[in-house]
ModelCIF file with pLDDT and N, C-alpha, C, O atoms, coordinates in Angstrom:
data_MODEL
#
_entry.id   MODEL 
#
_entity.id                         1 
_entity.type                       polymer 
_entity.pdbx_number_of_molecules   1 
#
_entity_poly.entity_id                      1 
_entity_poly.type                           'polypeptide(L)' 
_entity_poly.nstd_linkage                   no 
_entity_poly.nstd_monomer                   no 
_entity_poly.pdbx_seq_one_letter_code       SVPNIPGCVPRTSTLALTNETIKYIKNIVNKGLIEAIKSDFSLAKGIN 
_entity_poly.pdbx_seq_one_letter_code_can   SVPNIPGCVPRTSTLALTNETIKYIKNIVNKGLIEAIKSDFSLAKGIN 
_entity_poly.pdbx_strand_id                 A 
#
loop_
_entity_poly_seq.entity_id 
_entity_poly_seq.num 
_entity_poly_seq.mon_id 
_entity_poly_seq.hetero 
1 1  SER n 
1 2  VAL n 
1 3  PRO n 
1 4  ASN n 
1 5  ILE n 
1 6  PRO n 
1 7  GLY n 
1 8  CYS n 
1 9  VAL n 
1 10 PRO n 
1 11 ARG n 
1 12 THR n 
1 13 SER n 
1 14 THR n 
1 15 LEU n 
1 16 ALA n 
1 17 LEU n 
1 18 THR n 
1 19 ASN n 
1 20 GLU n 
1 21 THR n 
1 22 ILE n 
1 23 LYS n 
1 24 TYR n 
1 25 ILE n 
1 26 LYS n 
1 27 ASN n 
1 28 ILE n 
1 29 VAL n 
1 30 ASN n 
1 31 LYS n 
1 32 GLY n 
1 33 LEU n 
1 34 ILE n 
1 35 GLU n 
1 36 ALA n 
1 37 ILE n 
1 38 LYS n 
1 39 SER n 
1 40 ASP n 
1 41 PHE n 
1 42 SER n 
1 43 LEU n 
1 44 ALA n 
1 45 LYS n 
1 46 GLY n 
1 47 ILE n 
1 48 ASN n 
#
_struct_asym.id          A 
_struct_asym.entity_id   1 
#
loop_
_ma_qa_metric.id 
_ma_qa_metric.mode 
_ma_qa_metric.name 
_ma_qa_metric.software_group_id 
_ma_qa_metric.type 
1 global pLDDT . pLDDT 
2 local  pLDDT . pLDDT 
#
_ma_qa_metric_global.metric_id      1 
_ma_qa_metric_global.metric_value   95.10 
_ma_qa_metric_global.model_id       1 
_ma_qa_metric_global.ordinal_id     1 
#
loop_
_ma_qa_metric_local.label_asym_id 
_ma_qa_metric_local.label_comp_id 
_ma_qa_metric_local.label_seq_id 
_ma_qa_metric_local.metric_id 
_ma_qa_metric_local.metric_value 
_ma_qa_metric_local.model_id 
_ma_qa_metric_local.ordinal_id 
A SER 1  2 97.00 1 1  
A VAL 2  2 97.00 1 2  
A PRO 3  2 94.00 1 3  
A ASN 4  2 93.00 1 4  
A ILE 5  2 95.00 1 5  
A PRO 6  2 95.00 1 6  
A GLY 7  2 93.00 1 7  
A CYS 8  2 94.00 1 8  
A VAL 9  2 96.00 1 9  
A PRO 10 2 96.00 1 10 
A ARG 11 2 97.00 1 11 
A THR 12 2 97.00 1 12 
A SER 13 2 96.00 1 13 
A THR 14 2 97.00 1 14 
A LEU 15 2 97.00 1 15 
A ALA 16 2 96.00 1 16 
A LEU 17 2 96.00 1 17 
A THR 18 2 95.00 1 18 
A ASN 19 2 95.00 1 19 
A GLU 20 2 96.00 1 20 
A THR 21 2 97.00 1 21 
A ILE 22 2 97.00 1 22 
A LYS 23 2 96.00 1 23 
A TYR 24 2 97.00 1 24 
A ILE 25 2 97.00 1 25 
A LYS 26 2 97.00 1 26 
A ASN 27 2 96.00 1 27 
A ILE 28 2 97.00 1 28 
A VAL 29 2 96.00 1 29 
A ASN 30 2 94.00 1 30 
A LYS 31 2 95.00 1 31 
A GLY 32 2 95.00 1 32 
A LEU 33 2 94.00 1 33 
A ILE 34 2 94.00 1 34 
A GLU 35 2 95.00 1 35 
A ALA 36 2 95.00 1 36 
A ILE 37 2 93.00 1 37 
A LYS 38 2 90.00 1 38 
A SER 39 2 91.00 1 39 
A ASP 40 2 92.00 1 40 
A PHE 41 2 89.00 1 41 
A SER 42 2 94.00 1 42 
A LEU 43 2 95.00 1 43 
A ALA 44 2 93.00 1 44 
A LYS 45 2 94.00 1 45 
A GLY 46 2 96.00 1 46 
A ILE 47 2 97.00 1 47 
A ASN 48 2 97.00 1 48 
#
loop_
_atom_site.group_PDB 
_atom_site.id 
_atom_site.type_symbol 
_atom_site.label_atom_id 
_atom_site.label_alt_id 
_atom_site.label_comp_id 
_atom_site.label_asym_id 
_atom_site.label_entity_id 
_atom_site.label_seq_id 
_atom_site.pdbx_PDB_ins_code 
_atom_site.Cartn_x 
_atom_site.Cartn_y 
_atom_site.Cartn_z 
_atom_site.occupancy 
_atom_site.B_iso_or_equiv 
_atom_site.pdbx_formal_charge 
_atom_site.auth_seq_id 
_atom_site.auth_comp_id 
_atom_site.auth_asym_id 
_atom_site.auth_atom_id 
_atom_site.pdbx_PDB_model_num 
ATOM 1   N N  . SER A 1 1  ? 23.177 -18.800 -36.403 1.00 97.00 ? 1  SER A N  1 
ATOM 2   C CA . SER A 1 1  ? 22.586 -19.868 -35.590 1.00 97.00 ? 1  SER A CA 1 
ATOM 3   C C  . SER A 1 1  ? 21.072 -19.967 -35.802 1.00 97.00 ? 1  SER A C  1 
ATOM 4   O O  . SER A 1 1  ? 20.297 -19.969 -34.845 1.00 97.00 ? 1  SER A O  1 
ATOM 5   N N  . VAL A 1 2  ? 20.673 -20.049 -37.059 1.00 97.00 ? 2  VAL A N  1 
ATOM 6   C CA . VAL A 1 2  ? 19.263 -20.225 -37.422 1.00 97.00 ? 2  VAL A CA 1 
ATOM 7   C C  . VAL A 1 2  ? 18.938 -21.722 -37.424 1.00 97.00 ? 2  VAL A C  1 
ATOM 8   O O  . VAL A 1 2  ? 19.602 -22.482 -38.129 1.00 97.00 ? 2  VAL A O  1 
ATOM 9   N N  . PRO A 1 3  ? 17.945 -22.163 -36.664 1.00 94.00 ? 3  PRO A N  1 
ATOM 10  C CA . PRO A 1 3  ? 17.696 -23.599 -36.540 1.00 94.00 ? 3  PRO A CA 1 
ATOM 11  C C  . PRO A 1 3  ? 16.880 -24.206 -37.680 1.00 94.00 ? 3  PRO A C  1 
ATOM 12  O O  . PRO A 1 3  ? 16.803 -25.430 -37.795 1.00 94.00 ? 3  PRO A O  1 
ATOM 13  N N  . ASN A 1 4  ? 16.274 -23.373 -38.519 1.00 93.00 ? 4  ASN A N  1 
ATOM 14  C CA . ASN A 1 4  ? 15.459 -23.905 -39.621 1.00 93.00 ? 4  ASN A CA 1 
ATOM 15  C C  . ASN A 1 4  ? 16.003 -23.405 -40.963 1.00 93.00 ? 4  ASN A C  1 
ATOM 16  O O  . ASN A 1 4  ? 15.297 -22.753 -41.732 1.00 93.00 ? 4  ASN A O  1 
ATOM 17  N N  . ILE A 1 5  ? 17.259 -23.721 -41.221 1.00 95.00 ? 5  ILE A N  1 
ATOM 18  C CA . ILE A 1 5  ? 17.913 -23.255 -42.445 1.00 95.00 ? 5  ILE A CA 1 
ATOM 19  C C  . ILE A 1 5  ? 17.119 -23.606 -43.704 1.00 95.00 ? 5  ILE A C  1 
ATOM 20  O O  . ILE A 1 5  ? 16.973 -22.744 -44.571 1.00 95.00 ? 5  ILE A O  1 
ATOM 21  N N  . PRO A 1 6  ? 16.598 -24.834 -43.851 1.00 95.00 ? 6  PRO A N  1 
ATOM 22  C CA . PRO A 1 6  ? 15.879 -25.151 -45.097 1.00 95.00 ? 6  PRO A CA 1 
ATOM 23  C C  . PRO A 1 6  ? 14.650 -24.286 -45.342 1.00 95.00 ? 6  PRO A C  1 
ATOM 24  O O  . PRO A 1 6  ? 14.126 -24.255 -46.456 1.00 95.00 ? 6  PRO A O  1 
ATOM 25  N N  . GLY A 1 7  ? 14.186 -23.584 -44.313 1.00 93.00 ? 7  GLY A N  1 
ATOM 26  C CA . GLY A 1 7  ? 13.031 -22.714 -44.475 1.00 93.00 ? 7  GLY A CA 1 
ATOM 27  C C  . GLY A 1 7  ? 13.264 -21.558 -45.419 1.00 93.00 ? 7  GLY A C  1 
ATOM 28  O O  . GLY A 1 7  ? 12.304 -20.929 -45.865 1.00 93.00 ? 7  GLY A O  1 
ATOM 29  N N  . CYS A 1 8  ? 14.525 -21.257 -45.740 1.00 94.00 ? 8  CYS A N  1 
ATOM 30  C CA . CYS A 1 8  ? 14.802 -20.142 -46.660 1.00 94.00 ? 8  CYS A CA 1 
ATOM 31  C C  . CYS A 1 8  ? 14.648 -20.560 -48.119 1.00 94.00 ? 8  CYS A C  1 
ATOM 32  O O  . CYS A 1 8  ? 14.653 -19.709 -49.008 1.00 94.00 ? 8  CYS A O  1 
ATOM 33  N N  . VAL A 1 9  ? 14.512 -21.851 -48.372 1.00 96.00 ? 9  VAL A N  1 
ATOM 34  C CA . VAL A 1 9  ? 14.215 -22.337 -49.730 1.00 96.00 ? 9  VAL A CA 1 
ATOM 35  C C  . VAL A 1 9  ? 12.996 -23.257 -49.621 1.00 96.00 ? 9  VAL A C  1 
ATOM 36  O O  . VAL A 1 9  ? 13.105 -24.463 -49.841 1.00 96.00 ? 9  VAL A O  1 
ATOM 37  N N  . PRO A 1 10 ? 11.830 -22.682 -49.280 1.00 96.00 ? 10 PRO A N  1 
ATOM 38  C CA . PRO A 1 10 ? 10.682 -23.493 -48.877 1.00 96.00 ? 10 PRO A CA 1 
ATOM 39  C C  . PRO A 1 10 ? 10.107 -24.383 -49.969 1.00 96.00 ? 10 PRO A C  1 
ATOM 40  O O  . PRO A 1 10 ? 9.641  -25.485 -49.678 1.00 96.00 ? 10 PRO A O  1 
ATOM 41  N N  . ARG A 1 11 ? 10.128 -23.936 -51.197 1.00 97.00 ? 11 ARG A N  1 
ATOM 42  C CA . ARG A 1 11 ? 9.550  -24.753 -52.259 1.00 97.00 ? 11 ARG A CA 1 
ATOM 43  C C  . ARG A 1 11 ? 10.305 -26.070 -52.387 1.00 97.00 ? 11 ARG A C  1 
ATOM 44  O O  . ARG A 1 11 ? 9.709  -27.147 -52.350 1.00 97.00 ? 11 ARG A O  1 
ATOM 45  N N  . THR A 1 12 ? 11.621 -25.973 -52.538 1.00 97.00 ? 12 THR A N  1 
ATOM 46  C CA . THR A 1 12 ? 12.452 -27.176 -52.640 1.00 97.00 ? 12 THR A CA 1 
ATOM 47  C C  . THR A 1 12 ? 12.292 -28.045 -51.403 1.00 97.00 ? 12 THR A C  1 
ATOM 48  O O  . THR A 1 12 ? 12.136 -29.262 -51.502 1.00 97.00 ? 12 THR A O  1 
ATOM 49  N N  . SER A 1 13 ? 12.332 -27.411 -50.240 1.00 96.00 ? 13 SER A N  1 
ATOM 50  C CA . SER A 1 13 ? 12.293 -28.157 -48.982 1.00 96.00 ? 13 SER A CA 1 
ATOM 51  C C  . SER A 1 13 ? 10.961 -28.868 -48.780 1.00 96.00 ? 13 SER A C  1 
ATOM 52  O O  . SER A 1 13 ? 10.938 -30.018 -48.343 1.00 96.00 ? 13 SER A O  1 
ATOM 53  N N  . THR A 1 14 ? 9.853  -28.200 -49.090 1.00 97.00 ? 14 THR A N  1 
ATOM 54  C CA . THR A 1 14 ? 8.536  -28.816 -48.932 1.00 97.00 ? 14 THR A CA 1 
ATOM 55  C C  . THR A 1 14 ? 8.383  -30.022 -49.846 1.00 97.00 ? 14 THR A C  1 
ATOM 56  O O  . THR A 1 14 ? 7.908  -31.075 -49.422 1.00 97.00 ? 14 THR A O  1 
ATOM 57  N N  . LEU A 1 15 ? 8.788  -29.865 -51.102 1.00 97.00 ? 15 LEU A N  1 
ATOM 58  C CA . LEU A 1 15 ? 8.687  -30.987 -52.043 1.00 97.00 ? 15 LEU A CA 1 
ATOM 59  C C  . LEU A 1 15 ? 9.543  -32.164 -51.577 1.00 97.00 ? 15 LEU A C  1 
ATOM 60  O O  . LEU A 1 15 ? 9.101  -33.312 -51.611 1.00 97.00 ? 15 LEU A O  1 
ATOM 61  N N  . ALA A 1 16 ? 10.768 -31.872 -51.144 1.00 96.00 ? 16 ALA A N  1 
ATOM 62  C CA . ALA A 1 16 ? 11.679 -32.936 -50.722 1.00 96.00 ? 16 ALA A CA 1 
ATOM 63  C C  . ALA A 1 16 ? 11.190 -33.631 -49.463 1.00 96.00 ? 16 ALA A C  1 
ATOM 64  O O  . ALA A 1 16 ? 11.287 -34.853 -49.348 1.00 96.00 ? 16 ALA A O  1 
ATOM 65  N N  . LEU A 1 17 ? 10.664 -32.862 -48.518 1.00 96.00 ? 17 LEU A N  1 
ATOM 66  C CA . LEU A 1 17 ? 10.199 -33.440 -47.257 1.00 96.00 ? 17 LEU A CA 1 
ATOM 67  C C  . LEU A 1 17 ? 8.959  -34.302 -47.467 1.00 96.00 ? 17 LEU A C  1 
ATOM 68  O O  . LEU A 1 17 ? 8.873  -35.411 -46.938 1.00 96.00 ? 17 LEU A O  1 
ATOM 69  N N  . THR A 1 18 ? 8.000  -33.793 -48.239 1.00 95.00 ? 18 THR A N  1 
ATOM 70  C CA . THR A 1 18 ? 6.773  -34.558 -48.475 1.00 95.00 ? 18 THR A CA 1 
ATOM 71  C C  . THR A 1 18 ? 7.050  -35.860 -49.216 1.00 95.00 ? 18 THR A C  1 
ATOM 72  O O  . THR A 1 18 ? 6.376  -36.865 -48.991 1.00 95.00 ? 18 THR A O  1 
ATOM 73  N N  . ASN A 1 19 ? 8.039  -35.839 -50.094 1.00 95.00 ? 19 ASN A N  1 
ATOM 74  C CA . ASN A 1 19 ? 8.409  -37.078 -50.789 1.00 95.00 ? 19 ASN A CA 1 
ATOM 75  C C  . ASN A 1 19 ? 8.711  -38.209 -49.805 1.00 95.00 ? 19 ASN A C  1 
ATOM 76  O O  . ASN A 1 19 ? 8.468  -39.380 -50.098 1.00 95.00 ? 19 ASN A O  1 
ATOM 77  N N  . GLU A 1 20 ? 9.242  -37.846 -48.637 1.00 96.00 ? 20 GLU A N  1 
ATOM 78  C CA . GLU A 1 20 ? 9.641  -38.848 -47.637 1.00 96.00 ? 20 GLU A CA 1 
ATOM 79  C C  . GLU A 1 20 ? 8.588  -39.082 -46.568 1.00 96.00 ? 20 GLU A C  1 
ATOM 80  O O  . GLU A 1 20 ? 8.422  -40.210 -46.105 1.00 96.00 ? 20 GLU A O  1 
ATOM 81  N N  . THR A 1 21 ? 7.874  -38.035 -46.167 1.00 97.00 ? 21 THR A N  1 
ATOM 82  C CA . THR A 1 21 ? 6.925  -38.194 -45.054 1.00 97.00 ? 21 THR A CA 1 
ATOM 83  C C  . THR A 1 21 ? 5.627  -38.885 -45.456 1.00 97.00 ? 21 THR A C  1 
ATOM 84  O O  . THR A 1 21 ? 4.996  -39.537 -44.624 1.00 97.00 ? 21 THR A O  1 
ATOM 85  N N  . ILE A 1 22 ? 5.221  -38.755 -46.712 1.00 97.00 ? 22 ILE A N  1 
ATOM 86  C CA . ILE A 1 22 ? 3.883  -39.172 -47.108 1.00 97.00 ? 22 ILE A CA 1 
ATOM 87  C C  . ILE A 1 22 ? 3.625  -40.658 -46.855 1.00 97.00 ? 22 ILE A C  1 
ATOM 88  O O  . ILE A 1 22 ? 2.515  -41.030 -46.476 1.00 97.00 ? 22 ILE A O  1 
ATOM 89  N N  . LYS A 1 23 ? 4.620  -41.503 -47.057 1.00 96.00 ? 23 LYS A N  1 
ATOM 90  C CA . LYS A 1 23 ? 4.384  -42.943 -46.847 1.00 96.00 ? 23 LYS A CA 1 
ATOM 91  C C  . LYS A 1 23 ? 4.142  -43.258 -45.375 1.00 96.00 ? 23 LYS A C  1 
ATOM 92  O O  . LYS A 1 23 ? 3.376  -44.165 -45.051 1.00 96.00 ? 23 LYS A O  1 
ATOM 93  N N  . TYR A 1 24 ? 4.792  -42.511 -44.482 1.00 97.00 ? 24 TYR A N  1 
ATOM 94  C CA . TYR A 1 24 ? 4.569  -42.721 -43.043 1.00 97.00 ? 24 TYR A CA 1 
ATOM 95  C C  . TYR A 1 24 ? 3.193  -42.213 -42.642 1.00 97.00 ? 24 TYR A C  1 
ATOM 96  O O  . TYR A 1 24 ? 2.494  -42.850 -41.853 1.00 97.00 ? 24 TYR A O  1 
ATOM 97  N N  . ILE A 1 25 ? 2.804  -41.059 -43.189 1.00 97.00 ? 25 ILE A N  1 
ATOM 98  C CA . ILE A 1 25 ? 1.484  -40.509 -42.880 1.00 97.00 ? 25 ILE A CA 1 
ATOM 99  C C  . ILE A 1 25 ? 0.398  -41.474 -43.351 1.00 97.00 ? 25 ILE A C  1 
ATOM 100 O O  . ILE A 1 25 ? -0.548 -41.754 -42.615 1.00 97.00 ? 25 ILE A O  1 
ATOM 101 N N  . LYS A 1 26 ? 0.533  -41.981 -44.576 1.00 97.00 ? 26 LYS A N  1 
ATOM 102 C CA . LYS A 1 26 ? -0.451 -42.942 -45.101 1.00 97.00 ? 26 LYS A CA 1 
ATOM 103 C C  . LYS A 1 26 ? -0.522 -44.189 -44.230 1.00 97.00 ? 26 LYS A C  1 
ATOM 104 O O  . LYS A 1 26 ? -1.607 -44.713 -43.977 1.00 97.00 ? 26 LYS A O  1 
ATOM 105 N N  . ASN A 1 27 ? 0.618  -44.658 -43.776 1.00 96.00 ? 27 ASN A N  1 
ATOM 106 C CA . ASN A 1 27 ? 0.655  -45.854 -42.934 1.00 96.00 ? 27 ASN A CA 1 
ATOM 107 C C  . ASN A 1 27 ? -0.130 -45.634 -41.647 1.00 96.00 ? 27 ASN A C  1 
ATOM 108 O O  . ASN A 1 27 ? -0.896 -46.499 -41.223 1.00 96.00 ? 27 ASN A O  1 
ATOM 109 N N  . ILE A 1 28 ? 0.066  -44.469 -41.027 1.00 97.00 ? 28 ILE A N  1 
ATOM 110 C CA . ILE A 1 28 ? -0.613 -44.168 -39.764 1.00 97.00 ? 28 ILE A CA 1 
ATOM 111 C C  . ILE A 1 28 ? -2.115 -44.015 -39.959 1.00 97.00 ? 28 ILE A C  1 
ATOM 112 O O  . ILE A 1 28 ? -2.904 -44.607 -39.223 1.00 97.00 ? 28 ILE A O  1 
ATOM 113 N N  . VAL A 1 29 ? -2.513 -43.211 -40.962 1.00 96.00 ? 29 VAL A N  1 
ATOM 114 C CA . VAL A 1 29 ? -3.941 -42.899 -41.093 1.00 96.00 ? 29 VAL A CA 1 
ATOM 115 C C  . VAL A 1 29 ? -4.741 -44.053 -41.684 1.00 96.00 ? 29 VAL A C  1 
ATOM 116 O O  . VAL A 1 29 ? -5.945 -44.155 -41.446 1.00 96.00 ? 29 VAL A O  1 
ATOM 117 N N  . ASN A 1 30 ? -4.100 -44.907 -42.436 1.00 94.00 ? 30 ASN A N  1 
ATOM 118 C CA . ASN A 1 30 ? -4.832 -46.021 -43.050 1.00 94.00 ? 30 ASN A CA 1 
ATOM 119 C C  . ASN A 1 30 ? -4.875 -47.268 -42.165 1.00 94.00 ? 30 ASN A C  1 
ATOM 120 O O  . ASN A 1 30 ? -5.837 -48.034 -42.211 1.00 94.00 ? 30 ASN A O  1 
ATOM 121 N N  . LYS A 1 31 ? -3.817 -47.468 -41.354 1.00 95.00 ? 31 LYS A N  1 
ATOM 122 C CA . LYS A 1 31 ? -3.766 -48.655 -40.502 1.00 95.00 ? 31 LYS A CA 1 
ATOM 123 C C  . LYS A 1 31 ? -4.125 -48.371 -39.050 1.00 95.00 ? 31 LYS A C  1 
ATOM 124 O O  . LYS A 1 31 ? -4.498 -49.282 -38.310 1.00 95.00 ? 31 LYS A O  1 
ATOM 125 N N  . GLY A 1 32 ? -4.014 -47.108 -38.641 1.00 95.00 ? 32 GLY A N  1 
ATOM 126 C CA . GLY A 1 32 ? -4.094 -46.783 -37.227 1.00 95.00 ? 32 GLY A CA 1 
ATOM 127 C C  . GLY A 1 32 ? -2.694 -46.796 -36.635 1.00 95.00 ? 32 GLY A C  1 
ATOM 128 O O  . GLY A 1 32 ? -1.813 -47.496 -37.134 1.00 95.00 ? 32 GLY A O  1 
ATOM 129 N N  . LEU A 1 33 ? -2.485 -46.026 -35.572 1.00 94.00 ? 33 LEU A N  1 
ATOM 130 C CA . LEU A 1 33 ? -1.147 -45.823 -35.026 1.00 94.00 ? 33 LEU A CA 1 
ATOM 131 C C  . LEU A 1 33 ? -0.472 -47.123 -34.599 1.00 94.00 ? 33 LEU A C  1 
ATOM 132 O O  . LEU A 1 33 ? 0.665  -47.386 -34.992 1.00 94.00 ? 33 LEU A O  1 
ATOM 133 N N  . ILE A 1 34 ? -1.150 -47.929 -33.807 1.00 94.00 ? 34 ILE A N  1 
ATOM 134 C CA . ILE A 1 34 ? -0.511 -49.119 -33.240 1.00 94.00 ? 34 ILE A CA 1 
ATOM 135 C C  . ILE A 1 34 ? -0.094 -50.102 -34.325 1.00 94.00 ? 34 ILE A C  1 
ATOM 136 O O  . ILE A 1 34 ? 1.029  -50.606 -34.303 1.00 94.00 ? 34 ILE A O  1 
ATOM 137 N N  . GLU A 1 35 ? -0.978 -50.377 -35.269 1.00 95.00 ? 35 GLU A N  1 
ATOM 138 C CA . GLU A 1 35 ? -0.629 -51.301 -36.346 1.00 95.00 ? 35 GLU A CA 1 
ATOM 139 C C  . GLU A 1 35 ? 0.485  -50.735 -37.207 1.00 95.00 ? 35 GLU A C  1 
ATOM 140 O O  . GLU A 1 35 ? 1.353  -51.472 -37.674 1.00 95.00 ? 35 GLU A O  1 
ATOM 141 N N  . ALA A 1 36 ? 0.460  -49.413 -37.418 1.00 95.00 ? 36 ALA A N  1 
ATOM 142 C CA . ALA A 1 36 ? 1.523  -48.783 -38.200 1.00 95.00 ? 36 ALA A CA 1 
ATOM 143 C C  . ALA A 1 36 ? 2.873  -48.938 -37.512 1.00 95.00 ? 36 ALA A C  1 
ATOM 144 O O  . ALA A 1 36 ? 3.877  -49.239 -38.157 1.00 95.00 ? 36 ALA A O  1 
ATOM 145 N N  . ILE A 1 37 ? 2.891  -48.731 -36.202 1.00 93.00 ? 37 ILE A N  1 
ATOM 146 C CA . ILE A 1 37 ? 4.136  -48.876 -35.435 1.00 93.00 ? 37 ILE A CA 1 
ATOM 147 C C  . ILE A 1 37 ? 4.630  -50.317 -35.493 1.00 93.00 ? 37 ILE A C  1 
ATOM 148 O O  . ILE A 1 37 ? 5.814  -50.567 -35.721 1.00 93.00 ? 37 ILE A O  1 
ATOM 149 N N  . LYS A 1 38 ? 3.726  -51.251 -35.286 1.00 90.00 ? 38 LYS A N  1 
ATOM 150 C CA . LYS A 1 38 ? 4.120  -52.660 -35.253 1.00 90.00 ? 38 LYS A CA 1 
ATOM 151 C C  . LYS A 1 38 ? 4.625  -53.153 -36.614 1.00 90.00 ? 38 LYS A C  1 
ATOM 152 O O  . LYS A 1 38 ? 5.417  -54.093 -36.684 1.00 90.00 ? 38 LYS A O  1 
ATOM 153 N N  . SER A 1 39 ? 4.164  -52.517 -37.684 1.00 91.00 ? 39 SER A N  1 
ATOM 154 C CA . SER A 1 39 ? 4.562  -52.961 -39.019 1.00 91.00 ? 39 SER A CA 1 
ATOM 155 C C  . SER A 1 39 ? 5.794  -52.243 -39.550 1.00 91.00 ? 39 SER A C  1 
ATOM 156 O O  . SER A 1 39 ? 6.306  -52.585 -40.616 1.00 91.00 ? 39 SER A O  1 
ATOM 157 N N  . ASP A 1 40 ? 6.274  -51.242 -38.804 1.00 92.00 ? 40 ASP A N  1 
ATOM 158 C CA . ASP A 1 40 ? 7.382  -50.435 -39.324 1.00 92.00 ? 40 ASP A CA 1 
ATOM 159 C C  . ASP A 1 40 ? 8.324  -50.051 -38.192 1.00 92.00 ? 40 ASP A C  1 
ATOM 160 O O  . ASP A 1 40 ? 8.019  -49.170 -37.388 1.00 92.00 ? 40 ASP A O  1 
ATOM 161 N N  . PHE A 1 41 ? 9.478  -50.722 -38.139 1.00 89.00 ? 41 PHE A N  1 
ATOM 162 C CA . PHE A 1 41 ? 10.481 -50.465 -37.112 1.00 89.00 ? 41 PHE A CA 1 
ATOM 163 C C  . PHE A 1 41 ? 10.875 -48.997 -37.074 1.00 89.00 ? 41 PHE A C  1 
ATOM 164 O O  . PHE A 1 41 ? 11.012 -48.416 -35.997 1.00 89.00 ? 41 PHE A O  1 
ATOM 165 N N  . SER A 1 42 ? 11.058 -48.395 -38.245 1.00 94.00 ? 42 SER A N  1 
ATOM 166 C CA . SER A 1 42 ? 11.553 -47.016 -38.299 1.00 94.00 ? 42 SER A CA 1 
ATOM 167 C C  . SER A 1 42 ? 10.553 -46.040 -37.692 1.00 94.00 ? 42 SER A C  1 
ATOM 168 O O  . SER A 1 42 ? 10.950 -45.073 -37.042 1.00 94.00 ? 42 SER A O  1 
ATOM 169 N N  . LEU A 1 43 ? 9.258  -46.282 -37.899 1.00 95.00 ? 43 LEU A N  1 
ATOM 170 C CA . LEU A 1 43 ? 8.237  -45.418 -37.316 1.00 95.00 ? 43 LEU A CA 1 
ATOM 171 C C  . LEU A 1 43 ? 8.238  -45.531 -35.795 1.00 95.00 ? 43 LEU A C  1 
ATOM 172 O O  . LEU A 1 43 ? 8.077  -44.534 -35.092 1.00 95.00 ? 43 LEU A O  1 
ATOM 173 N N  . ALA A 1 44 ? 8.417  -46.735 -35.299 1.00 93.00 ? 44 ALA A N  1 
ATOM 174 C CA . ALA A 1 44 ? 8.502  -46.929 -33.843 1.00 93.00 ? 44 ALA A CA 1 
ATOM 175 C C  . ALA A 1 44 ? 9.643  -46.108 -33.243 1.00 93.00 ? 44 ALA A C  1 
ATOM 176 O O  . ALA A 1 44 ? 9.509  -45.568 -32.145 1.00 93.00 ? 44 ALA A O  1 
ATOM 177 N N  . LYS A 1 45 ? 10.754 -46.015 -33.955 1.00 94.00 ? 45 LYS A N  1 
ATOM 178 C CA . LYS A 1 45 ? 11.895 -45.216 -33.477 1.00 94.00 ? 45 LYS A CA 1 
ATOM 179 C C  . LYS A 1 45 ? 11.561 -43.730 -33.420 1.00 94.00 ? 45 LYS A C  1 
ATOM 180 O O  . LYS A 1 45 ? 12.188 -42.964 -32.689 1.00 94.00 ? 45 LYS A O  1 
ATOM 181 N N  . GLY A 1 46 ? 10.555 -43.337 -34.212 1.00 96.00 ? 46 GLY A N  1 
ATOM 182 C CA . GLY A 1 46 ? 10.184 -41.923 -34.236 1.00 96.00 ? 46 GLY A CA 1 
ATOM 183 C C  . GLY A 1 46 ? 9.332  -41.483 -33.070 1.00 96.00 ? 46 GLY A C  1 
ATOM 184 O O  . GLY A 1 46 ? 9.214  -40.283 -32.821 1.00 96.00 ? 46 GLY A O  1 
ATOM 185 N N  . ILE A 1 47 ? 8.721  -42.430 -32.332 1.00 97.00 ? 47 ILE A N  1 
ATOM 186 C CA . ILE A 1 47 ? 7.847  -42.064 -31.216 1.00 97.00 ? 47 ILE A CA 1 
ATOM 187 C C  . ILE A 1 47 ? 8.692  -41.498 -30.075 1.00 97.00 ? 47 ILE A C  1 
ATOM 188 O O  . ILE A 1 47 ? 9.556  -42.188 -29.533 1.00 97.00 ? 47 ILE A O  1 
ATOM 189 N N  . ASN A 1 48 ? 8.436  -40.239 -29.715 1.00 97.00 ? 48 ASN A N  1 
ATOM 190 C CA . ASN A 1 48 ? 9.175  -39.589 -28.629 1.00 97.00 ? 48 ASN A CA 1 
ATOM 191 C C  . ASN A 1 48 ? 8.385  -39.528 -27.327 1.00 97.00 ? 48 ASN A C  1 
ATOM 192 O O  . ASN A 1 48 ? 8.882  -39.009 -26.327 1.00 97.00 ? 48 ASN A O  1 
#
């Protein structure tokens, strides 16, 4: 019952995760949070 299974193969996991997260990070830091949310439905779903 380990909750962070991908952590045991960190190199693969880091590369794979960054491939997907980077576009969202760029959207937030370059546009600002509100504009990023308004321009991307999927990012809005991520706000908890």
